[in-house]
Amino acid sequence: MFKAEYAKLRAVQVGWSEEQVIAHLGEPWKIYMKEDAPENYYVEGWAHKERPITNKVWIYLLDEPIAYVYFDAESKVEEVFVGGS
């Protein structure tokens, strides 16, 4: 049912710029910077991969899937996690 949404989120590639992510996914639902993110920045009730924020993370929350897009100090994608509720 949500196959297209999962595919769209999983298409984000390591090395993409912020502009490329926005062009592909639009604006994120939430943004956390390393300096001011809460210790438990994960969205309750949704899958996640526990890991520290290197620089910043953008969270995309669609109808079913959620994505955490992690950016390095050069604002390039360093990792993407996609999961469900």
C-alpha atoms as a PDB file:
ATOM      1  CA  MET A   1       0.000   0.000   0.000  1.00  0.00           C
ATOM      2  CA  PHE A   2       2.806   2.434   0.858  1.00  0.00           C
ATOM      3  CA  LYS A   3       5.298   0.874  -1.542  1.00  0.00           C
ATOM      4  CA  ALA A   4       5.788   4.095  -3.550  1.00  0.00           C
ATOM      5  CA  GLU A   5       6.449   6.156  -0.404  1.00  0.00           C
ATOM      6  CA  TYR A   6       9.068   3.677   0.828  1.00  0.00           C
ATOM      7  CA  ALA A   7      10.702   3.644  -2.620  1.00  0.00           C
ATOM      8  CA  LYS A   8      10.818   7.454  -2.727  1.00  0.00           C
ATOM      9  CA  LEU A   9      12.515   7.657   0.678  1.00  0.00           C
ATOM     10  CA  ARG A  10      14.926   4.824  -0.096  1.00  0.00           C
ATOM     11  CA  ALA A  11      15.998   6.555  -3.317  1.00  0.00           C
ATOM     12  CA  VAL A  12      17.912   9.213  -1.349  1.00  0.00           C
ATOM     13  CA  GLN A  13      21.622   8.514  -1.843  1.00  0.00           C
ATOM     14  CA  VAL A  14      24.696   8.987   0.314  1.00  0.00           C
ATOM     15  CA  GLY A  15      26.517  12.064  -0.966  1.00  0.00           C
ATOM     16  CA  TRP A  16      23.416  14.001  -1.999  1.00  0.00           C
ATOM     17  CA  SER A  17      23.308  17.689  -1.060  1.00  0.00           C
ATOM     18  CA  GLU A  18      20.545  19.272   0.990  1.00  0.00           C
ATOM     19  CA  GLU A  19      19.210  20.811  -2.222  1.00  0.00           C
ATOM     20  CA  GLN A  20      18.987  17.395  -3.889  1.00  0.00           C
ATOM     21  CA  VAL A  21      17.105  15.948  -0.907  1.00  0.00           C
ATOM     22  CA  ILE A  22      14.635  18.857  -0.895  1.00  0.00           C
ATOM     23  CA  ALA A  23      14.132  18.558  -4.659  1.00  0.00           C
ATOM     24  CA  HIS A  24      13.343  14.859  -4.228  1.00  0.00           C
ATOM     25  CA  LEU A  25      11.392  14.829  -0.933  1.00  0.00           C
ATOM     26  CA  GLY A  26      10.400  18.420  -0.209  1.00  0.00           C
ATOM     27  CA  GLU A  27      10.908  20.134   3.139  1.00  0.00           C
ATOM     28  CA  PRO A  28      11.510  17.868   6.152  1.00  0.00           C
ATOM     29  CA  TRP A  29       8.953  17.438   8.924  1.00  0.00           C
ATOM     30  CA  LYS A  30      11.586  18.158  11.586  1.00  0.00           C
ATOM     31  CA  ILE A  31      15.264  19.157  11.695  1.00  0.00           C
ATOM     32  CA  TYR A  32      17.670  18.555  14.561  1.00  0.00           C
ATOM     33  CA  MET A  33      21.174  19.953  14.835  1.00  0.00           C
ATOM     34  CA  LYS A  34      23.790  18.069  16.844  1.00  0.00           C
ATOM     35  CA  GLU A  35      24.247  21.009  19.222  1.00  0.00           C
ATOM     36  CA  ASP A  36      20.637  21.314  20.360  1.00  0.00           C
ATOM     37  CA  ALA A  37      18.957  17.971  19.630  1.00  0.00           C
ATOM     38  CA  PRO A  38      17.356  16.163  22.551  1.00  0.00           C
ATOM     39  CA  GLU A  39      19.128  12.963  23.574  1.00  0.00           C
ATOM     40  CA  ASN A  40      16.153  10.912  22.389  1.00  0.00           C
ATOM     41  CA  TYR A  41      15.299  12.724  19.146  1.00  0.00           C
ATOM     42  CA  TYR A  42      13.480   9.736  17.641  1.00  0.00           C
ATOM     43  CA  VAL A  43       9.765   9.915  16.845  1.00  0.00           C
ATOM     44  CA  GLU A  44       7.883   7.807  19.378  1.00  0.00           C
ATOM     45  CA  GLY A  45       6.053   4.821  17.934  1.00  0.00           C
ATOM     46  CA  TRP A  46       8.144   4.712  14.739  1.00  0.00           C
ATOM     47  CA  ALA A  47      11.106   2.567  13.773  1.00  0.00           C
ATOM     48  CA  HIS A  48      14.544   4.134  14.109  1.00  0.00           C
ATOM     49  CA  LYS A  49      18.217   3.285  14.237  1.00  0.00           C
ATOM     50  CA  GLU A  50      19.851   4.520  17.411  1.00  0.00           C
ATOM     51  CA  ARG A  51      22.855   6.603  16.486  1.00  0.00           C
ATOM     52  CA  PRO A  52      24.314   9.976  17.355  1.00  0.00           C
ATOM     53  CA  ILE A  53      23.806  12.976  15.112  1.00  0.00           C
ATOM     54  CA  THR A  54      27.110  13.831  13.417  1.00  0.00           C
ATOM     55  CA  ASN A  55      25.984  17.277  12.206  1.00  0.00           C
ATOM     56  CA  LYS A  56      22.224  17.319  11.576  1.00  0.00           C
ATOM     57  CA  VAL A  57      19.307  15.034  10.840  1.00  0.00           C
ATOM     58  CA  TRP A  58      16.203  15.718   8.818  1.00  0.00           C
ATOM     59  CA  ILE A  59      13.124  13.664   9.635  1.00  0.00           C
ATOM     60  CA  TYR A  60      10.504  12.900   6.999  1.00  0.00           C
ATOM     61  CA  LEU A  61       7.220  11.489   8.282  1.00  0.00           C
ATOM     62  CA  LEU A  62       4.898  10.291   5.526  1.00  0.00           C
ATOM     63  CA  ASP A  63       1.616   8.375   5.785  1.00  0.00           C
ATOM     64  CA  GLU A  64       3.406   5.152   6.757  1.00  0.00           C
ATOM     65  CA  PRO A  65       7.169   5.322   6.378  1.00  0.00           C
ATOM     66  CA  ILE A  66       9.505   7.548   8.320  1.00  0.00           C
ATOM     67  CA  ALA A  67      12.994   8.537   7.213  1.00  0.00           C
ATOM     68  CA  TYR A  68      15.940   9.933   9.115  1.00  0.00           C
ATOM     69  CA  VAL A  69      18.356  11.623   6.706  1.00  0.00           C
ATOM     70  CA  TYR A  70      21.716  12.282   8.380  1.00  0.00           C
ATOM     71  CA  PHE A  71      24.061  14.977   7.056  1.00  0.00           C
ATOM     72  CA  ASP A  72      27.780  15.371   7.627  1.00  0.00           C
ATOM     73  CA  ALA A  73      29.667  18.641   8.296  1.00  0.00           C
ATOM     74  CA  GLU A  74      29.643  19.430   4.553  1.00  0.00           C
ATOM     75  CA  SER A  75      25.839  19.053   4.476  1.00  0.00           C
ATOM     76  CA  LYS A  76      26.027  15.901   2.368  1.00  0.00           C
ATOM     77  CA  VAL A  77      23.896  12.842   3.130  1.00  0.00           C
ATOM     78  CA  GLU A  78      25.944  10.357   5.149  1.00  0.00           C
ATOM     79  CA  GLU A  79      23.185   7.870   5.990  1.00  0.00           C
ATOM     80  CA  VAL A  80      19.468   7.314   5.466  1.00  0.00           C
ATOM     81  CA  PHE A  81      17.255   5.151   7.666  1.00  0.00           C
ATOM     82  CA  VAL A  82      13.748   4.281   6.445  1.00  0.00           C
ATOM     83  CA  GLY A  83      11.267   2.441   8.664  1.00  0.00           C
ATOM     84  CA  GLY A  84       7.614   2.032   9.535  1.00  0.00           C
ATOM     85  CA  SER A  85       5.338   2.523  12.484  1.00  0.00           C
END
